[in-house]
PDB file of N, CA and C in Angstrom:
ATOM      1  N   MET A   1     -11.697  -8.489 -11.897  1.00  0.00           N
ATOM      2  CA  MET A   1     -12.738  -8.558 -10.900  1.00  0.00           C
ATOM      3  C   MET A   1     -13.397  -7.185 -10.790  1.00  0.00           C
ATOM      4  N   LYS A   2     -14.692  -7.148 -10.673  1.00  0.00           N
ATOM      5  CA  LYS A   2     -15.444  -5.905 -10.721  1.00  0.00           C
ATOM      6  C   LYS A   2     -15.264  -5.033  -9.477  1.00  0.00           C
ATOM      7  N   ASP A   3     -15.066  -5.611  -8.313  1.00  0.00           N
ATOM      8  CA  ASP A   3     -14.984  -4.847  -7.070  1.00  0.00           C
ATOM      9  C   ASP A   3     -13.561  -4.424  -6.707  1.00  0.00           C
ATOM     10  N   ASP A   4     -12.608  -4.604  -7.595  1.00  0.00           N
ATOM     11  CA  ASP A   4     -11.234  -4.216  -7.308  1.00  0.00           C
ATOM     12  C   ASP A   4     -11.133  -2.701  -7.203  1.00  0.00           C
ATOM     13  N   PRO A   5     -10.359  -2.198  -6.227  1.00  0.00           N
ATOM     14  CA  PRO A   5     -10.180  -0.755  -6.119  1.00  0.00           C
ATOM     15  C   PRO A   5      -9.354  -0.212  -7.278  1.00  0.00           C
ATOM     16  N   LEU A   6      -9.528   1.048  -7.609  1.00  0.00           N
ATOM     17  CA  LEU A   6      -8.797   1.671  -8.718  1.00  0.00           C
ATOM     18  C   LEU A   6      -7.590   2.470  -8.249  1.00  0.00           C
ATOM     19  N   CYS A   7      -7.710   3.138  -7.104  1.00  0.00           N
ATOM     20  CA  CYS A   7      -6.626   4.017  -6.677  1.00  0.00           C
ATOM     21  C   CYS A   7      -5.983   3.497  -5.395  1.00  0.00           C
ATOM     22  N   ILE A   8      -4.821   4.063  -5.100  1.00  0.00           N
ATOM     23  CA  ILE A   8      -4.059   3.633  -3.937  1.00  0.00           C
ATOM     24  C   ILE A   8      -3.726   4.863  -3.107  1.00  0.00           C
ATOM     25  N   TYR A   9      -3.614   4.674  -1.801  1.00  0.00           N
ATOM     26  CA  TYR A   9      -3.338   5.761  -0.877  1.00  0.00           C
ATOM     27  C   TYR A   9      -2.018   5.504  -0.151  1.00  0.00           C
ATOM     28  N   ALA A  10      -1.486   6.537   0.476  1.00  0.00           N
ATOM     29  CA  ALA A  10      -0.168   6.472   1.109  1.00  0.00           C
ATOM     30  C   ALA A  10      -0.067   5.339   2.135  1.00  0.00           C
ATOM     31  N   LYS A  11      -1.118   5.126   2.891  1.00  0.00           N
ATOM     32  CA  LYS A  11      -1.100   4.072   3.908  1.00  0.00           C
ATOM     33  C   LYS A  11      -0.933   2.690   3.268  1.00  0.00           C
ATOM     34  N   GLU A  12      -1.589   2.481   2.135  1.00  0.00           N
ATOM     35  CA  GLU A  12      -1.465   1.205   1.426  1.00  0.00           C
ATOM     36  C   GLU A  12      -0.084   1.067   0.788  1.00  0.00           C
ATOM     37  N   VAL A  13       0.433   2.164   0.237  1.00  0.00           N
ATOM     38  CA  VAL A  13       1.792   2.144  -0.328  1.00  0.00           C
ATOM     39  C   VAL A  13       2.776   1.745   0.767  1.00  0.00           C
ATOM     40  N   ALA A  14       2.661   2.360   1.937  1.00  0.00           N
ATOM     41  CA  ALA A  14       3.555   2.057   3.055  1.00  0.00           C
ATOM     42  C   ALA A  14       3.468   0.587   3.454  1.00  0.00           C
ATOM     43  N   ARG A  15       2.268   0.048   3.473  1.00  0.00           N
ATOM     44  CA  ARG A  15       2.086  -1.360   3.843  1.00  0.00           C
ATOM     45  C   ARG A  15       2.746  -2.281   2.821  1.00  0.00           C
ATOM     46  N   ILE A  16       2.599  -1.959   1.543  1.00  0.00           N
ATOM     47  CA  ILE A  16       3.154  -2.813   0.488  1.00  0.00           C
ATOM     48  C   ILE A  16       4.682  -2.766   0.482  1.00  0.00           C
ATOM     49  N   ILE A  17       5.262  -1.575   0.629  1.00  0.00           N
ATOM     50  CA  ILE A  17       6.722  -1.467   0.583  1.00  0.00           C
ATOM     51  C   ILE A  17       7.358  -1.675   1.960  1.00  0.00           C
ATOM     52  N   ARG A  18       6.523  -1.895   2.960  1.00  0.00           N
ATOM     53  CA  ARG A  18       6.970  -2.169   4.329  1.00  0.00           C
ATOM     54  C   ARG A  18       7.852  -1.054   4.876  1.00  0.00           C
ATOM     55  N   ARG A  19       7.323   0.150   4.775  1.00  0.00           N
ATOM     56  CA  ARG A  19       7.993   1.334   5.300  1.00  0.00           C
ATOM     57  C   ARG A  19       6.970   2.151   6.088  1.00  0.00           C
ATOM     58  N   SER A  20       7.415   3.266   6.634  1.00  0.00           N
ATOM     59  CA  SER A  20       6.524   4.111   7.432  1.00  0.00           C
ATOM     60  C   SER A  20       5.487   4.790   6.542  1.00  0.00           C
ATOM     61  N   GLU A  21       4.443   5.290   7.199  1.00  0.00           N
ATOM     62  CA  GLU A  21       3.408   6.000   6.453  1.00  0.00           C
ATOM     63  C   GLU A  21       3.975   7.297   5.852  1.00  0.00           C
ATOM     64  N   ARG A  22       4.943   7.901   6.523  1.00  0.00           N
ATOM     65  CA  ARG A  22       5.599   9.103   5.998  1.00  0.00           C
ATOM     66  C   ARG A  22       6.326   8.786   4.694  1.00  0.00           C
ATOM     67  N   THR A  23       6.974   7.638   4.617  1.00  0.00           N
ATOM     68  CA  THR A  23       7.637   7.223   3.381  1.00  0.00           C
ATOM     69  C   THR A  23       6.595   6.973   2.296  1.00  0.00           C
ATOM     70  N   GLY A  24       5.445   6.412   2.671  1.00  0.00           N
ATOM     71  CA  GLY A  24       4.345   6.239   1.727  1.00  0.00           C
ATOM     72  C   GLY A  24       3.884   7.578   1.167  1.00  0.00           C
ATOM     73  N   ASP A  25       3.836   8.602   2.029  1.00  0.00           N
ATOM     74  CA  ASP A  25       3.484   9.955   1.584  1.00  0.00           C
ATOM     75  C   ASP A  25       4.499  10.472   0.561  1.00  0.00           C
ATOM     76  N   ARG A  26       5.764  10.270   0.850  1.00  0.00           N
ATOM     77  CA  ARG A  26       6.811  10.720  -0.075  1.00  0.00           C
ATOM     78  C   ARG A  26       6.699  10.029  -1.419  1.00  0.00           C
ATOM     79  N   TRP A  27       6.431   8.724  -1.387  1.00  0.00           N
ATOM     80  CA  TRP A  27       6.263   7.980  -2.641  1.00  0.00           C
ATOM     81  C   TRP A  27       5.085   8.542  -3.435  1.00  0.00           C
ATOM     82  N   MET A  28       4.003   8.896  -2.758  1.00  0.00           N
ATOM     83  CA  MET A  28       2.837   9.438  -3.449  1.00  0.00           C
ATOM     84  C   MET A  28       3.192  10.753  -4.143  1.00  0.00           C
ATOM     85  N   VAL A  29       3.923  11.629  -3.451  1.00  0.00           N
ATOM     86  CA  VAL A  29       4.350  12.903  -4.050  1.00  0.00           C
ATOM     87  C   VAL A  29       5.261  12.635  -5.245  1.00  0.00           C
ATOM     88  N   ASP A  30       6.200  11.699  -5.081  1.00  0.00           N
ATOM     89  CA  ASP A  30       7.111  11.354  -6.182  1.00  0.00           C
ATOM     90  C   ASP A  30       6.342  10.824  -7.389  1.00  0.00           C
ATOM     91  N   MET A  31       5.339   9.986  -7.143  1.00  0.00           N
ATOM     92  CA  MET A  31       4.559   9.432  -8.250  1.00  0.00           C
ATOM     93  C   MET A  31       3.732  10.506  -8.943  1.00  0.00           C
ATOM     94  N   LEU A  32       3.189  11.436  -8.179  1.00  0.00           N
ATOM     95  CA  LEU A  32       2.442  12.543  -8.791  1.00  0.00           C
ATOM     96  C   LEU A  32       3.342  13.321  -9.743  1.00  0.00           C
ATOM     97  N   CYS A  33       4.559  13.602  -9.312  1.00  0.00           N
ATOM     98  CA  CYS A  33       5.520  14.309 -10.174  1.00  0.00           C
ATOM     99  C   CYS A  33       5.900  13.453 -11.377  1.00  0.00           C
ATOM    100  N   PHE A  34       6.166  12.185 -11.148  1.00  0.00           N
ATOM    101  CA  PHE A  34       6.580  11.271 -12.207  1.00  0.00           C
ATOM    102  C   PHE A  34       5.530  11.188 -13.317  1.00  0.00           C
ATOM    103  N   TYR A  35       4.261  11.122 -12.927  1.00  0.00           N
ATOM    104  CA  TYR A  35       3.172  11.000 -13.899  1.00  0.00           C
ATOM    105  C   TYR A  35       2.607  12.351 -14.336  1.00  0.00           C
ATOM    106  N   GLY A  36       3.165  13.448 -13.831  1.00  0.00           N
ATOM    107  CA  GLY A  36       2.710  14.773 -14.234  1.00  0.00           C
ATOM    108  C   GLY A  36       1.291  15.083 -13.806  1.00  0.00           C
ATOM    109  N   LYS A  37       0.921  14.614 -12.627  1.00  0.00           N
ATOM    110  CA  LYS A  37      -0.442  14.832 -12.130  1.00  0.00           C
ATOM    111  C   LYS A  37      -0.468  16.009 -11.162  1.00  0.00           C
ATOM    112  N   LYS A  38      -1.644  16.556 -10.985  1.00  0.00           N
ATOM    113  CA  LYS A  38      -1.852  17.638 -10.035  1.00  0.00           C
ATOM    114  C   LYS A  38      -2.110  17.028  -8.650  1.00  0.00           C
ATOM    115  N   PRO A  39      -1.869  17.815  -7.576  1.00  0.00           N
ATOM    116  CA  PRO A  39      -2.017  17.275  -6.215  1.00  0.00           C
ATOM    117  C   PRO A  39      -3.387  16.677  -5.890  1.00  0.00           C
ATOM    118  N   HIS A  40      -4.452  17.148  -6.544  1.00  0.00           N
ATOM    119  CA  HIS A  40      -5.788  16.617  -6.235  1.00  0.00           C
ATOM    120  C   HIS A  40      -6.094  15.324  -7.002  1.00  0.00           C
ATOM    121  N   GLN A  41      -5.244  14.949  -7.950  1.00  0.00           N
ATOM    122  CA  GLN A  41      -5.489  13.735  -8.732  1.00  0.00           C
ATOM    123  C   GLN A  41      -4.988  12.499  -7.985  1.00  0.00           C
ATOM    124  N   LEU A  42      -5.553  11.368  -8.339  1.00  0.00           N
ATOM    125  CA  LEU A  42      -5.241  10.107  -7.663  1.00  0.00           C
ATOM    126  C   LEU A  42      -4.242   9.276  -8.457  1.00  0.00           C
ATOM    127  N   ILE A  43      -3.556   8.410  -7.748  1.00  0.00           N
ATOM    128  CA  ILE A  43      -2.634   7.443  -8.351  1.00  0.00           C
ATOM    129  C   ILE A  43      -3.364   6.107  -8.413  1.00  0.00           C
ATOM    130  N   THR A  44      -3.352   5.480  -9.574  1.00  0.00           N
ATOM    131  CA  THR A  44      -3.994   4.167  -9.695  1.00  0.00           C
ATOM    132  C   THR A  44      -3.044   3.085  -9.205  1.00  0.00           C
ATOM    133  N   ILE A  45      -3.605   1.943  -8.910  1.00  0.00           N
ATOM    134  CA  ILE A  45      -2.790   0.818  -8.474  1.00  0.00           C
ATOM    135  C   ILE A  45      -1.858   0.385  -9.602  1.00  0.00           C
ATOM    136  N   ARG A  46      -2.339   0.434 -10.837  1.00  0.00           N
ATOM    137  CA  ARG A  46      -1.474   0.093 -11.981  1.00  0.00           C
ATOM    138  C   ARG A  46      -0.291   1.042 -12.093  1.00  0.00           C
ATOM    139  N   GLU A  47      -0.531   2.341 -11.886  1.00  0.00           N
ATOM    140  CA  GLU A  47       0.566   3.309 -11.932  1.00  0.00           C
ATOM    141  C   GLU A  47       1.572   3.043 -10.822  1.00  0.00           C
ATOM    142  N   PHE A  48       1.072   2.741  -9.618  1.00  0.00           N
ATOM    143  CA  PHE A  48       1.962   2.410  -8.511  1.00  0.00           C
ATOM    144  C   PHE A  48       2.823   1.200  -8.848  1.00  0.00           C
ATOM    145  N   CYS A  49       2.199   0.154  -9.389  1.00  0.00           N
ATOM    146  CA  CYS A  49       2.938  -1.065  -9.729  1.00  0.00           C
ATOM    147  C   CYS A  49       4.009  -0.783 -10.777  1.00  0.00           C
ATOM    148  N   GLU A  50       3.663   0.005 -11.780  1.00  0.00           N
ATOM    149  CA  GLU A  50       4.636   0.365 -12.813  1.00  0.00           C
ATOM    150  C   GLU A  50       5.797   1.145 -12.200  1.00  0.00           C
ATOM    151  N   TYR A  51       5.492   2.102 -11.344  1.00  0.00           N
ATOM    152  CA  TYR A  51       6.509   2.938 -10.707  1.00  0.00           C
ATOM    153  C   TYR A  51       7.428   2.105  -9.808  1.00  0.00           C
ATOM    154  N   ALA A  52       6.839   1.173  -9.058  1.00  0.00           N
ATOM    155  CA  ALA A  52       7.597   0.360  -8.101  1.00  0.00           C
ATOM    156  C   ALA A  52       8.239  -0.863  -8.736  1.00  0.00           C
ATOM    157  N   GLY A  53       7.870  -1.177  -9.977  1.00  0.00           N
ATOM    158  CA  GLY A  53       8.420  -2.360 -10.633  1.00  0.00           C
ATOM    159  C   GLY A  53       7.823  -3.650 -10.118  1.00  0.00           C
ATOM    160  N   LEU A  54       6.551  -3.604  -9.747  1.00  0.00           N
ATOM    161  CA  LEU A  54       5.860  -4.787  -9.220  1.00  0.00           C
ATOM    162  C   LEU A  54       4.827  -5.271 -10.222  1.00  0.00           C
ATOM    163  N   GLU A  55       4.501  -6.551 -10.129  1.00  0.00           N
ATOM    164  CA  GLU A  55       3.472  -7.144 -10.977  1.00  0.00           C
ATOM    165  C   GLU A  55       2.092  -6.784 -10.426  1.00  0.00           C
ATOM    166  N   TYR A  56       1.249  -6.220 -11.283  1.00  0.00           N
ATOM    167  CA  TYR A  56      -0.085  -5.780 -10.879  1.00  0.00           C
ATOM    168  C   TYR A  56      -0.901  -6.912 -10.252  1.00  0.00           C
ATOM    169  N   GLU A  57      -0.963  -8.046 -10.916  1.00  0.00           N
ATOM    170  CA  GLU A  57      -1.785  -9.164 -10.419  1.00  0.00           C
ATOM    171  C   GLU A  57      -1.307  -9.652  -9.059  1.00  0.00           C
ATOM    172  N   GLU A  58      -0.002  -9.691  -8.854  1.00  0.00           N
ATOM    173  CA  GLU A  58       0.537 -10.144  -7.568  1.00  0.00           C
ATOM    174  C   GLU A  58       0.155  -9.172  -6.448  1.00  0.00           C
ATOM    175  N   VAL A  59       0.267  -7.880  -6.711  1.00  0.00           N
ATOM    176  CA  VAL A  59      -0.110  -6.870  -5.717  1.00  0.00           C
ATOM    177  C   VAL A  59      -1.602  -6.966  -5.411  1.00  0.00           C
ATOM    178  N   MET A  60      -2.421  -7.100  -6.443  1.00  0.00           N
ATOM    179  CA  MET A  60      -3.859  -7.204  -6.237  1.00  0.00           C
ATOM    180  C   MET A  60      -4.209  -8.442  -5.410  1.00  0.00           C
ATOM    181  N   ASP A  61      -3.634  -9.586  -5.772  1.00  0.00           N
ATOM    182  CA  ASP A  61      -3.927 -10.821  -5.051  1.00  0.00           C
ATOM    183  C   ASP A  61      -3.492 -10.743  -3.590  1.00  0.00           C
ATOM    184  N   ARG A  62      -2.346 -10.169  -3.355  1.00  0.00           N
ATOM    185  CA  ARG A  62      -1.785 -10.148  -2.013  1.00  0.00           C
ATOM    186  C   ARG A  62      -2.408  -9.100  -1.101  1.00  0.00           C
ATOM    187  N   TYR A  63      -2.747  -7.947  -1.631  1.00  0.00           N
ATOM    188  CA  TYR A  63      -3.133  -6.836  -0.761  1.00  0.00           C
ATOM    189  C   TYR A  63      -4.559  -6.317  -0.931  1.00  0.00           C
ATOM    190  N   PHE A  64      -5.206  -6.589  -2.051  1.00  0.00           N
ATOM    191  CA  PHE A  64      -6.497  -5.940  -2.295  1.00  0.00           C
ATOM    192  C   PHE A  64      -7.673  -6.884  -2.510  1.00  0.00           C
ATOM    193  N   ARG A  65      -7.441  -8.060  -2.982  1.00  0.00           N
ATOM    194  CA  ARG A  65      -8.568  -8.971  -3.245  1.00  0.00           C
ATOM    195  C   ARG A  65      -8.902  -9.757  -2.002  1.00  0.00           C
ATOM    196  N   LYS A  66     -10.195  -9.881  -1.779  1.00  0.00           N
ATOM    197  CA  LYS A  66     -10.641 -10.655  -0.620  1.00  0.00           C
ATOM    198  C   LYS A  66     -10.477 -12.135  -0.923  1.00  0.00           C
ATOM    199  N   GLU A  67     -10.287 -12.886   0.136  1.00  0.00           N
ATOM    200  CA  GLU A  67     -10.138 -14.328  -0.023  1.00  0.00           C
ATOM    201  C   GLU A  67     -11.394 -14.929  -0.638  1.00  0.00           C
ATOM    202  N   LYS A  68     -11.169 -15.877  -1.508  1.00  0.00           N
ATOM    203  CA  LYS A  68     -12.309 -16.604  -2.062  1.00  0.00           C
ATOM    204  C   LYS A  68     -12.621 -17.744  -1.109  1.00  0.00           C
ATOM    205  N   ARG A  69     -13.817 -17.733  -0.583  1.00  0.00           N
ATOM    206  CA  ARG A  69     -14.199 -18.741   0.386  1.00  0.00           C
ATOM    207  C   ARG A  69     -15.157 -19.732  -0.241  1.00  0.00           C
ATOM    208  N   PHE A  70     -14.974 -20.956   0.124  1.00  0.00           N
ATOM    209  CA  PHE A  70     -15.858 -21.994  -0.379  1.00  0.00           C
ATOM    210  C   PHE A  70     -17.048 -22.124   0.544  1.00  0.00           C
ATOM    211  N   VAL A  71     -18.230 -22.145  -0.041  1.00  0.00           N
ATOM    212  CA  VAL A  71     -19.471 -22.224   0.764  1.00  0.00           C
ATOM    213  C   VAL A  71     -19.993 -23.624   0.734  1.00  0.00           C
TER     214      VAL A  71
END
């Protein structure tokens, strides 16, 4: 889908893993280290899914894609 977001933020990580926003922050720092990125670089949703062991399509459908409404 063309309008899908590319990157993920700590608040979204926290919502997906059902933990505090502080834990989401820690996960973001851990992922930056894991992928060898600099602090100003972003984590993609695909990288998050790989790191967390989640299916990309399931995460996208559940948390990022808007409902398809019938008109």
